[in-house]
Amino acid sequence: MPSRIDHFIEEADKLFNLIFPDLEIVWFGHVGDGNLHLNILKPANLSKEEFLFLS
């Protein structure tokens, strides 16, 4: 439901930031058909191994 995507993203961001405060999410998708995706960015100060462990 595209009309509720903004609320979902807001709530998901809050939860994600509580659990993984050092990681950043980039949201993207096709709002018209309800597809929503996220990409979790690796902070520069984390090694690849640390990042994969957290995610």
PDB file of N, CA and C in Angstrom:
ATOM      1  N   MET A   1       0.832  -1.179   0.000  1.00  0.00           N
ATOM      2  CA  MET A   1       0.000   0.000   0.000  1.00  0.00           C
ATOM      3  C   MET A   1       0.879   1.246   0.000  1.00  0.00           C
ATOM      4  N   PRO A   2       1.016   1.896  -1.122  1.00  0.00           N
ATOM      5  CA  PRO A   2       1.879   3.070  -1.210  1.00  0.00           C
ATOM      6  C   PRO A   2       1.547   4.170  -0.214  1.00  0.00           C
ATOM      7  N   SER A   3       0.303   4.295   0.189  1.00  0.00           N
ATOM      8  CA  SER A   3      -0.066   5.380   1.103  1.00  0.00           C
ATOM      9  C   SER A   3       0.502   5.183   2.501  1.00  0.00           C
ATOM     10  N   ARG A   4       0.969   3.988   2.830  1.00  0.00           N
ATOM     11  CA  ARG A   4       1.492   3.715   4.169  1.00  0.00           C
ATOM     12  C   ARG A   4       3.004   3.514   4.170  1.00  0.00           C
ATOM     13  N   ILE A   5       3.638   3.657   3.023  1.00  0.00           N
ATOM     14  CA  ILE A   5       5.076   3.415   2.944  1.00  0.00           C
ATOM     15  C   ILE A   5       5.853   4.394   3.807  1.00  0.00           C
ATOM     16  N   ASP A   6       5.465   5.660   3.816  1.00  0.00           N
ATOM     17  CA  ASP A   6       6.200   6.645   4.617  1.00  0.00           C
ATOM     18  C   ASP A   6       6.178   6.286   6.099  1.00  0.00           C
ATOM     19  N   HIS A   7       5.051   5.818   6.587  1.00  0.00           N
ATOM     20  CA  HIS A   7       4.941   5.409   7.992  1.00  0.00           C
ATOM     21  C   HIS A   7       5.816   4.180   8.258  1.00  0.00           C
ATOM     22  N   PHE A   8       5.792   3.223   7.352  1.00  0.00           N
ATOM     23  CA  PHE A   8       6.614   2.029   7.505  1.00  0.00           C
ATOM     24  C   PHE A   8       8.097   2.391   7.563  1.00  0.00           C
ATOM     25  N   ILE A   9       8.555   3.250   6.641  1.00  0.00           N
ATOM     26  CA  ILE A   9       9.965   3.647   6.612  1.00  0.00           C
ATOM     27  C   ILE A   9      10.345   4.348   7.907  1.00  0.00           C
ATOM     28  N   GLU A  10       9.503   5.240   8.379  1.00  0.00           N
ATOM     29  CA  GLU A  10       9.774   5.964   9.623  1.00  0.00           C
ATOM     30  C   GLU A  10       9.934   4.995  10.796  1.00  0.00           C
ATOM     31  N   GLU A  11       9.020   4.056  10.929  1.00  0.00           N
ATOM     32  CA  GLU A  11       9.081   3.093  12.032  1.00  0.00           C
ATOM     33  C   GLU A  11      10.259   2.127  11.874  1.00  0.00           C
ATOM     34  N   ALA A  12      10.516   1.682  10.658  1.00  0.00           N
ATOM     35  CA  ALA A  12      11.642   0.778  10.413  1.00  0.00           C
ATOM     36  C   ALA A  12      12.965   1.476  10.704  1.00  0.00           C
ATOM     37  N   ASP A  13      13.093   2.742  10.327  1.00  0.00           N
ATOM     38  CA  ASP A  13      14.303   3.514  10.624  1.00  0.00           C
ATOM     39  C   ASP A  13      14.537   3.618  12.128  1.00  0.00           C
ATOM     40  N   LYS A  14      13.489   3.876  12.887  1.00  0.00           N
ATOM     41  CA  LYS A  14      13.616   3.969  14.348  1.00  0.00           C
ATOM     42  C   LYS A  14      14.147   2.664  14.930  1.00  0.00           C
ATOM     43  N   LEU A  15      13.553   1.567  14.521  1.00  0.00           N
ATOM     44  CA  LEU A  15      13.969   0.259  15.027  1.00  0.00           C
ATOM     45  C   LEU A  15      15.394  -0.071  14.594  1.00  0.00           C
ATOM     46  N   PHE A  16      15.695   0.153  13.339  1.00  0.00           N
ATOM     47  CA  PHE A  16      17.027  -0.125  12.818  1.00  0.00           C
ATOM     48  C   PHE A  16      18.077   0.686  13.571  1.00  0.00           C
ATOM     49  N   ASN A  17      17.787   1.972  13.824  1.00  0.00           N
ATOM     50  CA  ASN A  17      18.743   2.835  14.522  1.00  0.00           C
ATOM     51  C   ASN A  17      18.938   2.438  15.981  1.00  0.00           C
ATOM     52  N   LEU A  18      17.937   1.840  16.590  1.00  0.00           N
ATOM     53  CA  LEU A  18      18.102   1.333  17.956  1.00  0.00           C
ATOM     54  C   LEU A  18      19.054   0.145  17.993  1.00  0.00           C
ATOM     55  N   ILE A  19      18.939  -0.725  17.012  1.00  0.00           N
ATOM     56  CA  ILE A  19      19.737  -1.950  16.993  1.00  0.00           C
ATOM     57  C   ILE A  19      21.116  -1.723  16.377  1.00  0.00           C
ATOM     58  N   PHE A  20      21.176  -0.945  15.318  1.00  0.00           N
ATOM     59  CA  PHE A  20      22.419  -0.705  14.579  1.00  0.00           C
ATOM     60  C   PHE A  20      22.644   0.799  14.399  1.00  0.00           C
ATOM     61  N   PRO A  21      22.981   1.519  15.461  1.00  0.00           N
ATOM     62  CA  PRO A  21      23.073   2.978  15.365  1.00  0.00           C
ATOM     63  C   PRO A  21      24.181   3.494  14.444  1.00  0.00           C
ATOM     64  N   ASP A  22      25.185   2.680  14.133  1.00  0.00           N
ATOM     65  CA  ASP A  22      26.295   3.144  13.302  1.00  0.00           C
ATOM     66  C   ASP A  22      26.105   2.879  11.812  1.00  0.00           C
ATOM     67  N   LEU A  23      25.028   2.193  11.457  1.00  0.00           N
ATOM     68  CA  LEU A  23      24.798   1.875  10.051  1.00  0.00           C
ATOM     69  C   LEU A  23      23.731   2.795   9.470  1.00  0.00           C
ATOM     70  N   GLU A  24      23.796   2.987   8.170  1.00  0.00           N
ATOM     71  CA  GLU A  24      22.853   3.883   7.487  1.00  0.00           C
ATOM     72  C   GLU A  24      22.073   3.105   6.433  1.00  0.00           C
ATOM     73  N   ILE A  25      20.788   3.384   6.349  1.00  0.00           N
ATOM     74  CA  ILE A  25      19.924   2.747   5.354  1.00  0.00           C
ATOM     75  C   ILE A  25      19.608   3.750   4.251  1.00  0.00           C
ATOM     76  N   VAL A  26      19.658   3.276   3.031  1.00  0.00           N
ATOM     77  CA  VAL A  26      19.167   4.034   1.884  1.00  0.00           C
ATOM     78  C   VAL A  26      17.961   3.269   1.350  1.00  0.00           C
ATOM     79  N   TRP A  27      16.808   3.920   1.338  1.00  0.00           N
ATOM     80  CA  TRP A  27      15.563   3.303   0.868  1.00  0.00           C
ATOM     81  C   TRP A  27      15.366   3.620  -0.605  1.00  0.00           C
ATOM     82  N   PHE A  28      14.876   2.645  -1.353  1.00  0.00           N
ATOM     83  CA  PHE A  28      14.539   2.877  -2.753  1.00  0.00           C
ATOM     84  C   PHE A  28      13.492   1.857  -3.175  1.00  0.00           C
ATOM     85  N   GLY A  29      12.875   2.101  -4.291  1.00  0.00           N
ATOM     86  CA  GLY A  29      11.882   1.150  -4.771  1.00  0.00           C
ATOM     87  C   GLY A  29      10.964   1.769  -5.792  1.00  0.00           C
ATOM     88  N   HIS A  30       9.863   1.076  -5.980  1.00  0.00           N
ATOM     89  CA  HIS A  30       8.855   1.476  -6.952  1.00  0.00           C
ATOM     90  C   HIS A  30       7.565   1.717  -6.171  1.00  0.00           C
ATOM     91  N   VAL A  31       7.397   2.922  -5.701  1.00  0.00           N
ATOM     92  CA  VAL A  31       6.292   3.243  -4.812  1.00  0.00           C
ATOM     93  C   VAL A  31       4.946   2.967  -5.472  1.00  0.00           C
ATOM     94  N   GLY A  32       4.839   3.192  -6.753  1.00  0.00           N
ATOM     95  CA  GLY A  32       3.572   2.984  -7.441  1.00  0.00           C
ATOM     96  C   GLY A  32       3.046   1.563  -7.345  1.00  0.00           C
ATOM     97  N   ASP A  33       3.954   0.587  -7.320  1.00  0.00           N
ATOM     98  CA  ASP A  33       3.501  -0.803  -7.210  1.00  0.00           C
ATOM     99  C   ASP A  33       3.822  -1.420  -5.851  1.00  0.00           C
ATOM    100  N   GLY A  34       4.296  -0.598  -4.914  1.00  0.00           N
ATOM    101  CA  GLY A  34       4.491  -1.062  -3.546  1.00  0.00           C
ATOM    102  C   GLY A  34       5.806  -1.764  -3.265  1.00  0.00           C
ATOM    103  N   ASN A  35       6.694  -1.862  -4.249  1.00  0.00           N
ATOM    104  CA  ASN A  35       7.995  -2.478  -3.998  1.00  0.00           C
ATOM    105  C   ASN A  35       8.885  -1.509  -3.241  1.00  0.00           C
ATOM    106  N   LEU A  36       9.478  -1.996  -2.176  1.00  0.00           N
ATOM    107  CA  LEU A  36      10.364  -1.173  -1.362  1.00  0.00           C
ATOM    108  C   LEU A  36      11.594  -2.000  -1.023  1.00  0.00           C
ATOM    109  N   HIS A  37      12.745  -1.390  -1.164  1.00  0.00           N
ATOM    110  CA  HIS A  37      14.008  -2.078  -0.929  1.00  0.00           C
ATOM    111  C   HIS A  37      14.870  -1.202  -0.038  1.00  0.00           C
ATOM    112  N   LEU A  38      15.848  -1.825   0.607  1.00  0.00           N
ATOM    113  CA  LEU A  38      16.790  -1.027   1.374  1.00  0.00           C
ATOM    114  C   LEU A  38      18.196  -1.493   1.092  1.00  0.00           C
ATOM    115  N   ASN A  39      19.107  -0.562   1.210  1.00  0.00           N
ATOM    116  CA  ASN A  39      20.522  -0.826   1.044  1.00  0.00           C
ATOM    117  C   ASN A  39      21.196  -0.340   2.318  1.00  0.00           C
ATOM    118  N   ILE A  40      21.946  -1.217   2.969  1.00  0.00           N
ATOM    119  CA  ILE A  40      22.627  -0.857   4.208  1.00  0.00           C
ATOM    120  C   ILE A  40      24.058  -0.479   3.855  1.00  0.00           C
ATOM    121  N   LEU A  41      24.442   0.752   4.179  1.00  0.00           N
ATOM    122  CA  LEU A  41      25.769   1.249   3.835  1.00  0.00           C
ATOM    123  C   LEU A  41      26.784   0.908   4.920  1.00  0.00           C
ATOM    124  N   LYS A  42      27.980   0.526   4.497  1.00  0.00           N
ATOM    125  CA  LYS A  42      29.068   0.215   5.423  1.00  0.00           C
ATOM    126  C   LYS A  42      29.778   1.503   5.814  1.00  0.00           C
ATOM    127  N   PRO A  43      29.851   1.799   7.115  1.00  0.00           N
ATOM    128  CA  PRO A  43      30.602   2.972   7.549  1.00  0.00           C
ATOM    129  C   PRO A  43      32.093   2.805   7.239  1.00  0.00           C
ATOM    130  N   ALA A  44      32.761   3.896   6.952  1.00  0.00           N
ATOM    131  CA  ALA A  44      34.180   3.855   6.596  1.00  0.00           C
ATOM    132  C   ALA A  44      35.044   3.285   7.717  1.00  0.00           C
ATOM    133  N   ASN A  45      34.600   3.451   8.967  1.00  0.00           N
ATOM    134  CA  ASN A  45      35.421   3.006  10.092  1.00  0.00           C
ATOM    135  C   ASN A  45      35.254   1.523  10.432  1.00  0.00           C
ATOM    136  N   LEU A  46      34.417   0.791   9.713  1.00  0.00           N
ATOM    137  CA  LEU A  46      34.241  -0.643   9.948  1.00  0.00           C
ATOM    138  C   LEU A  46      34.914  -1.449   8.847  1.00  0.00           C
ATOM    139  N   SER A  47      35.560  -2.534   9.239  1.00  0.00           N
ATOM    140  CA  SER A  47      36.112  -3.439   8.233  1.00  0.00           C
ATOM    141  C   SER A  47      34.958  -4.194   7.572  1.00  0.00           C
ATOM    142  N   LYS A  48      35.242  -4.802   6.451  1.00  0.00           N
ATOM    143  CA  LYS A  48      34.226  -5.591   5.756  1.00  0.00           C
ATOM    144  C   LYS A  48      33.713  -6.708   6.660  1.00  0.00           C
ATOM    145  N   GLU A  49      34.605  -7.350   7.390  1.00  0.00           N
ATOM    146  CA  GLU A  49      34.224  -8.451   8.271  1.00  0.00           C
ATOM    147  C   GLU A  49      33.304  -7.975   9.394  1.00  0.00           C
ATOM    148  N   GLU A  50      33.639  -6.827  10.000  1.00  0.00           N
ATOM    149  CA  GLU A  50      32.793  -6.275  11.071  1.00  0.00           C
ATOM    150  C   GLU A  50      31.406  -5.931  10.536  1.00  0.00           C
ATOM    151  N   PHE A  51      31.386  -5.328   9.359  1.00  0.00           N
ATOM    152  CA  PHE A  51      30.113  -4.944   8.747  1.00  0.00           C
ATOM    153  C   PHE A  51      29.247  -6.171   8.462  1.00  0.00           C
ATOM    154  N   LEU A  52      29.844  -7.193   7.885  1.00  0.00           N
ATOM    155  CA  LEU A  52      29.084  -8.408   7.578  1.00  0.00           C
ATOM    156  C   LEU A  52      28.594  -9.085   8.851  1.00  0.00           C
ATOM    157  N   PHE A  53      29.379  -9.026   9.902  1.00  0.00           N
ATOM    158  CA  PHE A  53      28.954  -9.595  11.175  1.00  0.00           C
ATOM    159  C   PHE A  53      27.729  -8.854  11.717  1.00  0.00           C
ATOM    160  N   LEU A  54      27.736  -7.530  11.629  1.00  0.00           N
ATOM    161  CA  LEU A  54      26.613  -6.731  12.123  1.00  0.00           C
ATOM    162  C   LEU A  54      25.359  -6.908  11.275  1.00  0.00           C
ATOM    163  N   SER A  55      25.547  -7.080   9.984  1.00  0.00           N
ATOM    164  CA  SER A  55      24.384  -7.163   9.115  1.00  0.00           C
ATOM    165  C   SER A  55      23.958  -8.594   8.932  1.00  0.00           C
TER     166      SER A  55
END
